[in-house]
Amino acid sequence: MYQRTGAPLHSAYALPQLRVFYDDNPELASSVHKWTTLASLCLDRWTNGRLRRGRHSSISYSEASWTGMLNFRIGRWDEATKRLLPKECVLALPLPIDFDTAPPTERGIRILEGSGSVYWDRWPELRGDADDADDEGRQDDFCRLFLGIGDGACANAGSKCITLDRIAVSVGTSAAARIILPLPINLLARGGGVSASFDSHPVPSIEIPRGLFCYRIDAHHVLLGGALTDGGSVVEWVRSVFHLQNNEAFDEVMEKIECGYSNQQESGAISNQLTTIPFLSGERSTGYRSGATGILSGITRETTREDIVLSAFEGVILRLSAVLDLLVDARNAFFAKGVTNLPPRIVASGNGLVNNRCWMQMLADCSKMDVIVDGETDEATSRGAAYFATLELRSLNMNAMDPENISASCTSTPNEKTLAKWKAKAEIQEHLIDGVSSTWN
C-alpha cells in the first residue's frame, strides 16, 4: 500500500482518522453526504456546482494525495485503502482530478453569467472586461479559478526547486525537505490504453524509501520528501526553558556557539558530547513511530546552557540529514533510469534557518551539499501557487522550461573536515533512537 499511496499508515493521514470517526461517531457519520476540501467547497459554491461529476464533488490530485489514500501512480483512490473504510465513507469520497480540470475545455474554472451564482453580482472584478471580447464575442479576460495544490508543492515551485538538482529545505515551526520528480500518471496501469511518457522516453518508476512521502502534484509530477513535526519549535523550546526569549540574550548564546562550532570546523573534533532526539511533538519522517518523545542524552556536571542549545540545533539537523540521505538515494536511483545526472543542492527557506548562518553551515556540513538562500523567494508558497496557475493559463510544460536562475543572497558550502564528526553524531543519534523506541507507546 505504501508504494502506491506514498504515505505510511499513520495518524497524521486520513485513513486512520476516517476509521476512528466512523467507528466512534456513527450517528454523526450517518449524516455525512460527501467529503471535500475547503478549496473545493468554495469553488463549488462560487461556480454553482461546475466542479461536480454526477453525484461526486471533485478535488485535485494534490489534495487527494495529501490524504495518504490516493494511488499516486494512477491518480485514483487506492483500492486496498477503500476496502479498509466503511462503504458509506467510500461513496462519499470526492473524485480526484487535475487541479486545472474544468468543463468543458477551458483551462481553469470561471464564474458564469446566468449560472445562478450569486457571486457574479457580488464580485464584478471576476467577470472580465466586456470591452476586451473578440469579434465573436468571446471574453478571455475573465478570472480563472483552480483547485487547490498542497503547500509543500507550492513552496518547492516558489523556491525555484522544480528541477532534479534542487532540493527545497524549509525550517519553520516544523521542517521538511522535498524534491519534485517528473512522473506522469501511468495510464496503462490505470486502464487508459496508452502508456505515459516523459519527453518521448519511457517514464521511470520510483521506489519510495521507507520514511519518505510521495504525493502527486498534477498529472505529470510528484513531490518526494520527508517532514519533521519539530524544527524551529525545538529551538523555541530551549529558548523558553533557558529564558532566552530576549533576542539580546539569545544572540549572546549564539555567539558562543558559533565560535565553538568554528573551532570544530578547523579541528574536526566532537566537542559537544550531548545527543538530542528532537521529537517534542512526536515523529513523522523517518520512523513514524507512535508515541515518540524527545530525548536529551549525555548530560554531566560540566554540561552548560550553550551545550544544550547547540545539541538542539544538531538534533534537528541530524534528522533533516536522515531525510536528505533517503531523498538523494531515491533521486540518484531515478537518474539511473535515464534522466541526466546533476549534483544536488539545497535551497533553504524559513526564517529560523536562513537567519541563522551557523545553523545553515551545520546543514551544509552534515548533508555534504551546498545550502543556498535565494533572495527573491521570500513568499515561496504564494509564489509557487502563482507559478502553477501561470503554467496552465499559458499552456506551458514545466519539464520543457528552463529553471529560474537562483539569486543567491548567501551560500554555505560543506567543510570536509567535519564529515567524520557528523557521521559519528548521526550514528550515535540513530543508536539512541533504536535503543529508546521500545519505551514509546
Protein backbone atom coordinates (compact mmCIF):
# COMPACT_ATOMS: atom_id res chain seq x y z
CA MET A 1 0.00 0.00 0.00
CA TYR A 2 2.84 2.37 0.91
CA GLN A 3 4.34 2.04 -2.57
CA ARG A 4 1.01 3.03 -4.13
CA THR A 5 -0.15 5.81 -1.82
CA GLY A 6 3.28 7.21 -0.92
CA ALA A 7 2.22 7.51 2.71
CA PRO A 8 2.62 5.24 5.75
CA LEU A 9 -0.25 4.09 7.93
CA HIS A 10 -0.04 6.88 10.49
CA SER A 11 -2.46 9.01 12.49
CA ALA A 12 -1.35 12.09 10.56
CA TYR A 13 -3.23 10.79 7.50
CA ALA A 14 -6.91 10.47 6.66
CA LEU A 15 -7.34 6.68 6.63
CA PRO A 16 -6.98 6.13 10.41
CA GLN A 17 -8.79 9.40 11.11
CA LEU A 18 -11.79 8.38 9.00
CA ARG A 19 -11.91 4.91 10.54
CA VAL A 20 -11.96 6.38 14.05
CA PHE A 21 -14.58 8.93 13.02
CA TYR A 22 -16.97 6.33 11.58
CA ASP A 23 -16.39 3.89 14.45
CA ASP A 24 -16.77 6.40 17.28
CA ASN A 25 -19.45 8.69 15.82
CA PRO A 26 -21.97 6.50 13.95
CA GLU A 27 -24.84 8.96 14.30
CA LEU A 28 -22.80 11.92 13.08
CA ALA A 29 -21.18 9.81 10.35
CA SER A 30 -24.59 8.82 9.00
CA SER A 31 -25.26 12.49 8.21
CA VAL A 32 -22.16 12.86 6.01
CA HIS A 33 -23.25 13.42 2.42
CA LYS A 34 -19.82 13.91 0.83
CA TRP A 35 -16.26 14.66 1.79
CA THR A 36 -14.42 17.55 0.18
CA THR A 37 -11.72 20.12 0.88
CA LEU A 38 -12.18 23.75 1.82
CA ALA A 39 -10.80 24.90 -1.55
CA SER A 40 -13.16 22.65 -3.50
CA LEU A 41 -16.12 23.60 -1.32
CA CYS A 42 -15.52 27.29 -2.03
CA LEU A 43 -15.03 26.73 -5.77
CA ASP A 44 -18.14 24.57 -5.96
CA ARG A 45 -20.24 27.32 -4.41
CA TRP A 46 -18.63 30.14 -6.35
CA THR A 47 -19.22 28.37 -9.68
CA ASN A 48 -22.64 26.93 -8.84
CA GLY A 49 -21.58 23.30 -8.90
CA ARG A 50 -19.47 23.23 -12.06
CA LEU A 51 -16.92 21.03 -10.29
CA ARG A 52 -19.36 18.18 -9.71
CA ARG A 53 -19.23 14.99 -11.74
CA GLY A 54 -22.67 13.47 -11.29
CA ARG A 55 -23.07 12.78 -7.57
CA HIS A 56 -19.35 13.32 -6.96
CA SER A 57 -17.66 16.50 -5.86
CA SER A 58 -14.11 17.00 -7.13
CA ILE A 59 -10.75 17.68 -5.52
CA SER A 60 -7.31 17.94 -7.06
CA TYR A 61 -4.83 15.08 -7.30
CA SER A 62 -2.64 17.10 -4.98
CA GLU A 63 -5.29 17.45 -2.27
CA ALA A 64 -6.29 13.80 -2.61
CA SER A 65 -2.70 12.62 -2.40
CA TRP A 66 -2.09 14.58 0.81
CA THR A 67 -4.72 12.39 2.50
CA GLY A 68 -2.48 9.35 2.05
CA MET A 69 -5.26 7.41 0.27
CA LEU A 70 -4.63 8.20 -3.41
CA ASN A 71 -2.75 5.75 -5.60
CA PHE A 72 -0.39 8.43 -6.91
CA ARG A 73 0.78 6.16 -9.74
CA ILE A 74 -2.61 6.06 -11.45
CA GLY A 75 -4.41 9.08 -9.93
CA ARG A 76 -7.29 7.17 -8.31
CA TRP A 77 -8.26 6.24 -4.78
CA ASP A 78 -6.30 3.15 -3.76
CA GLU A 79 -8.49 0.06 -3.90
CA ALA A 80 -6.93 -1.63 -0.83
CA THR A 81 -7.37 1.59 1.13
CA LYS A 82 -11.04 1.80 0.19
CA ARG A 83 -11.58 -1.74 1.46
CA LEU A 84 -10.44 -0.56 4.91
CA LEU A 85 -13.16 2.09 5.03
CA PRO A 86 -16.91 1.75 5.59
CA LYS A 87 -18.91 1.61 2.37
CA GLU A 88 -20.76 4.84 3.18
CA CYS A 89 -17.42 6.61 3.56
CA VAL A 90 -16.16 5.35 0.19
CA LEU A 91 -19.36 6.52 -1.51
CA ALA A 92 -18.84 9.97 -0.03
CA LEU A 93 -15.27 10.38 -1.32
CA PRO A 94 -14.75 13.12 -3.92
CA LEU A 95 -13.43 12.49 -7.42
CA PRO A 96 -9.68 13.21 -7.85
CA ILE A 97 -8.92 15.28 -10.97
CA ASP A 98 -6.08 17.52 -12.09
CA PHE A 99 -6.08 20.96 -10.50
CA ASP A 100 -6.64 22.74 -13.83
CA THR A 101 -9.51 20.49 -14.97
CA ALA A 102 -12.73 22.34 -15.76
CA PRO A 103 -15.71 21.79 -18.03
CA PRO A 104 -15.88 21.85 -20.92
CA THR A 105 -12.36 22.56 -22.26
CA GLU A 106 -11.03 25.87 -20.91
CA ARG A 107 -8.11 25.92 -18.51
CA GLY A 108 -9.33 26.94 -15.10
CA ILE A 109 -12.86 27.47 -13.82
CA ARG A 110 -14.81 30.69 -14.03
CA ILE A 111 -17.98 32.14 -12.66
CA LEU A 112 -20.51 32.15 -15.49
CA GLU A 113 -23.20 34.77 -16.07
CA GLY A 114 -26.61 33.25 -15.76
CA SER A 115 -25.27 30.20 -13.93
CA GLY A 116 -27.28 31.05 -10.85
CA SER A 117 -24.20 32.02 -8.86
CA VAL A 118 -24.74 34.99 -6.55
CA TYR A 119 -21.04 35.72 -6.87
CA TRP A 120 -21.46 37.02 -10.43
CA ASP A 121 -23.12 40.10 -8.97
CA ARG A 122 -21.15 40.15 -5.73
CA TRP A 123 -17.67 40.11 -7.35
CA PRO A 124 -17.72 42.11 -10.60
CA GLU A 125 -13.91 42.06 -10.68
CA LEU A 126 -14.04 38.36 -11.59
CA ARG A 127 -16.19 38.79 -14.70
CA GLY A 128 -13.58 40.25 -17.03
CA ASP A 129 -13.98 43.26 -19.27
CA ALA A 130 -16.66 43.01 -21.95
CA ASP A 131 -14.76 45.61 -23.99
CA ASP A 132 -11.97 43.04 -24.44
CA ALA A 133 -14.20 40.46 -26.15
CA ASP A 134 -13.06 39.27 -29.58
CA ASP A 135 -15.03 39.63 -32.83
CA GLU A 136 -17.16 36.61 -31.98
CA GLY A 137 -17.99 37.93 -28.53
CA ARG A 138 -15.67 35.61 -26.62
CA GLN A 139 -14.11 37.01 -23.48
CA ASP A 140 -10.64 35.80 -22.49
CA ASP A 141 -10.12 38.33 -19.71
CA PHE A 142 -12.24 36.61 -17.06
CA CYS A 143 -10.73 35.47 -13.81
CA ARG A 144 -9.93 31.77 -13.80
CA LEU A 145 -10.01 29.68 -10.66
CA PHE A 146 -8.12 26.47 -9.90
CA LEU A 147 -8.43 23.61 -7.48
CA GLY A 148 -6.06 23.54 -4.52
CA ILE A 149 -2.43 22.43 -4.55
CA GLY A 150 -0.58 21.34 -1.41
CA ASP A 151 1.55 23.97 0.27
CA GLY A 152 4.67 21.78 0.04
CA ALA A 153 4.44 21.58 -3.74
CA CYS A 154 3.81 25.32 -3.98
CA ALA A 155 6.75 26.04 -1.67
CA ASN A 156 9.05 23.98 -3.89
CA ALA A 157 7.96 25.72 -7.07
CA GLY A 158 8.08 29.12 -5.36
CA SER A 159 11.62 28.37 -4.17
CA LYS A 160 12.62 27.63 -7.80
CA CYS A 161 13.06 23.95 -6.89
CA ILE A 162 11.42 22.31 -9.89
CA THR A 163 14.50 20.50 -11.22
CA LEU A 164 16.20 17.35 -10.03
CA ASP A 165 19.32 19.18 -8.84
CA ARG A 166 17.45 21.38 -6.34
CA ILE A 167 16.12 20.14 -3.02
CA ALA A 168 13.94 22.53 -1.04
CA VAL A 169 14.55 22.54 2.72
CA SER A 170 12.31 24.68 4.90
CA VAL A 171 12.52 25.16 8.64
CA GLY A 172 9.72 26.97 10.40
CA THR A 173 7.90 25.55 13.40
CA SER A 174 8.23 22.19 11.63
CA ALA A 175 10.79 21.24 8.98
CA ALA A 176 10.74 19.49 5.61
CA ALA A 177 12.91 18.50 2.66
CA ARG A 178 11.31 17.91 -0.76
CA ILE A 179 12.11 17.41 -4.43
CA ILE A 180 9.84 17.48 -7.50
CA LEU A 181 10.13 14.49 -9.85
CA PRO A 182 8.72 14.16 -13.40
CA LEU A 183 6.46 11.13 -13.02
CA PRO A 184 3.29 11.16 -15.17
CA ILE A 185 0.24 9.14 -14.25
CA ASN A 186 0.55 5.62 -15.62
CA LEU A 187 -2.44 5.47 -17.96
CA LEU A 188 -1.65 1.92 -18.99
CA ALA A 189 -1.88 0.66 -15.40
CA ARG A 190 -4.98 2.78 -14.97
CA GLY A 191 -6.61 1.13 -17.96
CA GLY A 192 -6.38 4.10 -20.30
CA GLY A 193 -4.90 2.07 -23.13
CA VAL A 194 -1.75 4.17 -23.56
CA SER A 195 1.47 4.39 -21.61
CA ALA A 196 2.58 7.71 -20.17
CA SER A 197 5.82 9.23 -21.38
CA PHE A 198 8.23 11.99 -20.42
CA ASP A 199 9.97 13.85 -23.22
CA SER A 200 9.35 10.91 -25.58
CA HIS A 201 11.23 8.49 -23.31
CA PRO A 202 9.74 5.72 -21.16
CA VAL A 203 8.76 7.04 -17.75
CA PRO A 204 11.00 5.72 -14.95
CA SER A 205 9.24 4.16 -11.99
CA ILE A 206 10.15 5.03 -8.45
CA GLU A 207 10.58 3.01 -5.27
CA ILE A 208 9.54 5.06 -2.24
CA PRO A 209 12.15 4.74 0.51
CA ARG A 210 10.72 3.90 3.93
CA GLY A 211 10.48 7.13 5.85
CA LEU A 212 9.57 9.45 2.98
CA PHE A 213 6.26 10.51 1.47
CA CYS A 214 5.39 10.79 -2.22
CA TYR A 215 2.43 12.98 -3.20
CA ARG A 216 1.07 13.60 -6.65
CA ILE A 217 1.12 17.29 -7.63
CA ASP A 218 -0.56 17.10 -11.03
CA ALA A 219 -0.87 14.60 -13.86
CA HIS A 220 2.84 14.88 -14.65
CA HIS A 221 4.74 15.40 -11.39
CA VAL A 222 5.11 14.06 -7.86
CA LEU A 223 6.62 15.53 -4.71
CA LEU A 224 9.04 13.26 -2.84
CA GLY A 225 10.14 14.28 0.62
CA GLY A 226 10.06 13.96 4.37
CA ALA A 227 8.87 16.13 7.24
CA LEU A 228 9.73 16.69 10.89
CA THR A 229 6.97 17.72 13.28
CA ASP A 230 9.51 19.80 15.20
CA GLY A 231 12.05 22.08 13.54
CA GLY A 232 12.26 25.64 14.75
CA SER A 233 9.93 24.67 17.61
CA VAL A 234 12.85 22.80 19.22
CA VAL A 235 14.90 26.00 19.29
CA GLU A 236 11.94 27.96 20.64
CA TRP A 237 11.56 25.35 23.38
CA VAL A 238 15.16 25.64 24.59
CA ARG A 239 14.90 29.43 24.43
CA SER A 240 11.85 29.22 26.67
CA VAL A 241 13.47 26.77 29.11
CA PHE A 242 16.58 28.93 29.49
CA HIS A 243 14.70 32.26 29.40
CA LEU A 244 16.32 33.32 26.13
CA GLN A 245 13.25 34.86 24.50
CA ASN A 246 15.07 38.17 24.65
CA ASN A 247 17.00 38.43 21.38
CA GLU A 248 19.99 40.03 23.04
CA ALA A 249 20.37 37.12 25.48
CA PHE A 250 19.91 34.57 22.71
CA ASP A 251 22.41 36.34 20.46
CA GLU A 252 24.96 36.15 23.27
CA VAL A 253 24.49 32.37 23.49
CA MET A 254 24.63 32.01 19.69
CA GLU A 255 27.87 33.97 19.57
CA LYS A 256 29.49 31.42 21.89
CA ILE A 257 28.02 28.52 19.88
CA GLU A 258 29.22 29.97 16.57
CA CYS A 259 32.72 30.48 17.99
CA GLY A 260 32.80 26.89 19.29
CA TYR A 261 31.48 25.48 16.02
CA SER A 262 34.02 27.45 14.03
CA ASN A 263 36.79 25.88 16.11
CA GLN A 264 35.26 22.43 15.49
CA GLN A 265 35.34 23.08 11.76
CA GLU A 266 39.07 23.60 11.93
CA SER A 267 39.84 20.63 14.16
CA GLY A 268 37.09 18.23 13.14
CA ALA A 269 36.78 17.17 16.79
CA ILE A 270 33.49 16.47 18.59
CA SER A 271 33.43 18.91 21.50
CA ASN A 272 29.76 18.51 22.40
CA GLN A 273 29.00 15.05 23.83
CA LEU A 274 25.24 15.63 24.09
CA THR A 275 22.72 13.94 21.81
CA THR A 276 19.22 15.31 21.25
CA ILE A 277 16.28 13.46 19.75
CA PRO A 278 14.02 16.40 18.78
CA PHE A 279 10.65 14.63 18.89
CA LEU A 280 8.88 17.13 21.16
CA SER A 281 5.59 16.63 19.31
CA GLY A 282 6.10 13.08 18.04
CA GLU A 283 7.86 11.68 14.98
CA ARG A 284 6.97 11.75 11.33
CA SER A 285 9.90 11.11 9.00
CA THR A 286 11.76 8.89 9.05
CA GLY A 287 10.35 6.34 11.51
CA TYR A 288 6.73 7.46 12.00
CA ARG A 289 6.90 5.82 15.44
CA SER A 290 3.79 6.32 17.56
CA GLY A 291 4.34 7.88 20.96
CA ALA A 292 7.85 9.14 20.17
CA THR A 293 9.17 11.74 22.60
CA GLY A 294 12.20 13.97 22.86
CA ILE A 295 15.42 12.78 24.49
CA LEU A 296 18.49 14.66 25.77
CA SER A 297 21.35 12.26 26.48
CA GLY A 298 24.88 12.74 27.79
CA ILE A 299 24.37 15.37 30.48
CA THR A 300 27.16 15.72 33.07
CA ARG A 301 28.10 18.25 35.75
CA GLU A 302 30.11 20.10 33.12
CA THR A 303 27.17 20.50 30.72
CA THR A 304 26.39 24.15 30.01
CA ARG A 305 23.40 26.01 28.69
CA GLU A 306 25.26 26.57 25.43
CA ASP A 307 25.91 22.83 25.11
CA ILE A 308 22.19 22.07 25.34
CA VAL A 309 21.20 24.79 22.87
CA LEU A 310 23.86 23.56 20.43
CA SER A 311 22.64 19.98 20.83
CA ALA A 312 19.09 21.10 19.99
CA PHE A 313 20.32 22.64 16.74
CA GLU A 314 22.31 19.49 15.96
CA GLY A 315 19.37 17.21 16.73
CA VAL A 316 17.15 18.88 14.11
CA ILE A 317 19.97 18.93 11.53
CA LEU A 318 20.66 15.22 12.04
CA ARG A 319 17.00 14.30 11.49
CA LEU A 320 16.84 16.52 8.38
CA SER A 321 20.03 14.88 7.15
CA ALA A 322 18.45 11.43 7.60
CA VAL A 323 15.61 12.59 5.33
CA LEU A 324 18.06 14.10 2.84
CA ASP A 325 20.09 10.88 2.65
CA LEU A 326 16.96 8.96 1.64
CA LEU A 327 15.96 11.71 -0.82
CA VAL A 328 19.34 11.77 -2.54
CA ASP A 329 19.43 7.97 -2.80
CA ALA A 330 15.95 7.92 -4.37
CA ARG A 331 16.89 10.77 -6.69
CA ASN A 332 20.06 9.01 -7.81
CA ALA A 333 18.10 5.81 -8.48
CA PHE A 334 15.69 7.90 -10.55
CA PHE A 335 18.63 9.29 -12.52
CA ALA A 336 19.91 5.78 -13.16
CA LYS A 337 16.71 5.09 -15.11
CA GLY A 338 17.62 7.53 -17.86
CA VAL A 339 17.49 11.11 -16.54
CA THR A 340 20.66 13.22 -16.81
CA ASN A 341 22.58 13.36 -13.53
CA LEU A 342 23.27 16.66 -11.80
CA PRO A 343 24.80 17.24 -8.35
CA PRO A 344 22.12 18.18 -5.81
CA ARG A 345 21.97 21.50 -3.98
CA ILE A 346 19.79 22.64 -1.11
CA VAL A 347 17.69 25.78 -1.41
CA ALA A 348 16.82 26.87 2.13
CA SER A 349 13.82 28.80 3.37
CA GLY A 350 12.18 29.61 6.69
CA ASN A 351 13.27 32.43 8.99
CA GLY A 352 14.59 30.09 11.66
CA LEU A 353 17.14 28.66 9.23
CA VAL A 354 18.03 31.44 6.80
CA ASN A 355 18.57 34.00 9.57
CA ASN A 356 21.00 31.72 11.41
CA ARG A 357 24.22 31.28 9.42
CA CYS A 358 25.66 28.82 11.94
CA TRP A 359 22.62 26.53 11.55
CA MET A 360 22.90 26.79 7.76
CA GLN A 361 26.57 25.81 7.96
CA MET A 362 25.66 22.79 10.11
CA LEU A 363 23.17 21.71 7.44
CA ALA A 364 25.78 22.07 4.70
CA ASP A 365 28.39 20.14 6.69
CA CYS A 366 26.04 17.35 7.75
CA SER A 367 24.33 16.92 4.36
CA LYS A 368 27.55 17.38 2.33
CA MET A 369 25.65 19.73 -0.02
CA ASP A 370 25.74 23.45 -0.74
CA VAL A 371 22.98 25.34 1.08
CA ILE A 372 21.71 28.40 -0.77
CA VAL A 373 19.33 31.18 0.23
CA ASP A 374 17.54 32.77 -2.73
CA GLY A 375 16.91 36.45 -2.12
CA GLU A 376 13.88 36.54 -4.46
CA THR A 377 11.67 33.89 -2.87
CA ASP A 378 10.54 35.28 0.49
CA GLU A 379 6.89 34.31 -0.11
CA ALA A 380 7.66 30.92 -1.64
CA THR A 381 4.24 29.26 -1.15
CA SER A 382 2.25 32.14 -2.68
CA ARG A 383 4.82 32.47 -5.43
CA GLY A 384 4.51 28.76 -6.19
CA ALA A 385 0.71 28.89 -6.41
CA ALA A 386 1.01 31.73 -8.93
CA TYR A 387 3.65 29.72 -10.82
CA PHE A 388 1.38 26.67 -11.28
CA ALA A 389 -1.56 28.84 -12.35
CA THR A 390 0.62 30.67 -14.88
CA LEU A 391 1.84 27.40 -16.38
CA GLU A 392 -1.73 26.29 -17.00
CA LEU A 393 -3.00 29.61 -18.31
CA ARG A 394 -0.16 29.80 -20.81
CA SER A 395 -0.24 26.08 -21.70
CA LEU A 396 3.38 25.69 -20.64
CA ASN A 397 5.15 22.44 -19.77
CA MET A 398 7.25 22.58 -16.60
CA ASN A 399 9.52 19.81 -17.91
CA ALA A 400 10.37 21.78 -21.04
CA MET A 401 11.04 25.08 -19.29
CA ASP A 402 14.46 26.34 -18.27
CA PRO A 403 14.61 26.65 -14.48
CA GLU A 404 14.72 30.11 -12.98
CA ASN A 405 18.17 31.29 -12.06
CA ILE A 406 18.84 31.27 -8.33
CA SER A 407 19.67 34.69 -6.94
CA ALA A 408 21.88 33.59 -4.05
CA SER A 409 21.97 36.06 -1.19
CA CYS A 410 24.22 33.69 0.78
CA THR A 411 25.68 30.21 0.33
CA SER A 412 27.11 27.75 2.84
CA THR A 413 29.44 25.09 1.47
CA PRO A 414 30.32 21.84 3.29
CA ASN A 415 33.58 21.66 5.22
CA GLU A 416 35.23 18.29 4.60
CA LYS A 417 36.99 18.41 7.98
CA THR A 418 33.61 17.96 9.72
CA LEU A 419 32.42 14.91 7.77
CA ALA A 420 33.69 12.33 10.26
CA LYS A 421 32.25 14.29 13.18
CA TRP A 422 28.77 14.47 11.66
CA LYS A 423 28.86 10.82 10.61
CA ALA A 424 29.68 9.83 14.19
CA LYS A 425 26.94 12.12 15.53
CA ALA A 426 24.39 10.59 13.17
CA GLU A 427 25.29 7.05 14.21
CA ILE A 428 25.01 7.95 17.90
CA GLN A 429 21.58 9.52 17.38
CA GLU A 430 20.29 6.55 15.37
CA HIS A 431 21.54 4.09 18.01
CA LEU A 432 19.86 6.16 20.73
CA ILE A 433 16.54 6.24 18.84
CA ASP A 434 16.69 2.48 18.31
CA GLY A 435 17.51 1.95 21.98
CA VAL A 436 14.70 4.06 23.47
CA SER A 437 11.97 3.50 20.85
CA SER A 438 10.80 0.33 22.61
CA THR A 439 9.73 2.51 25.55
CA TRP A 440 7.43 4.61 23.32
CA ASN A 441 3.78 3.56 23.27
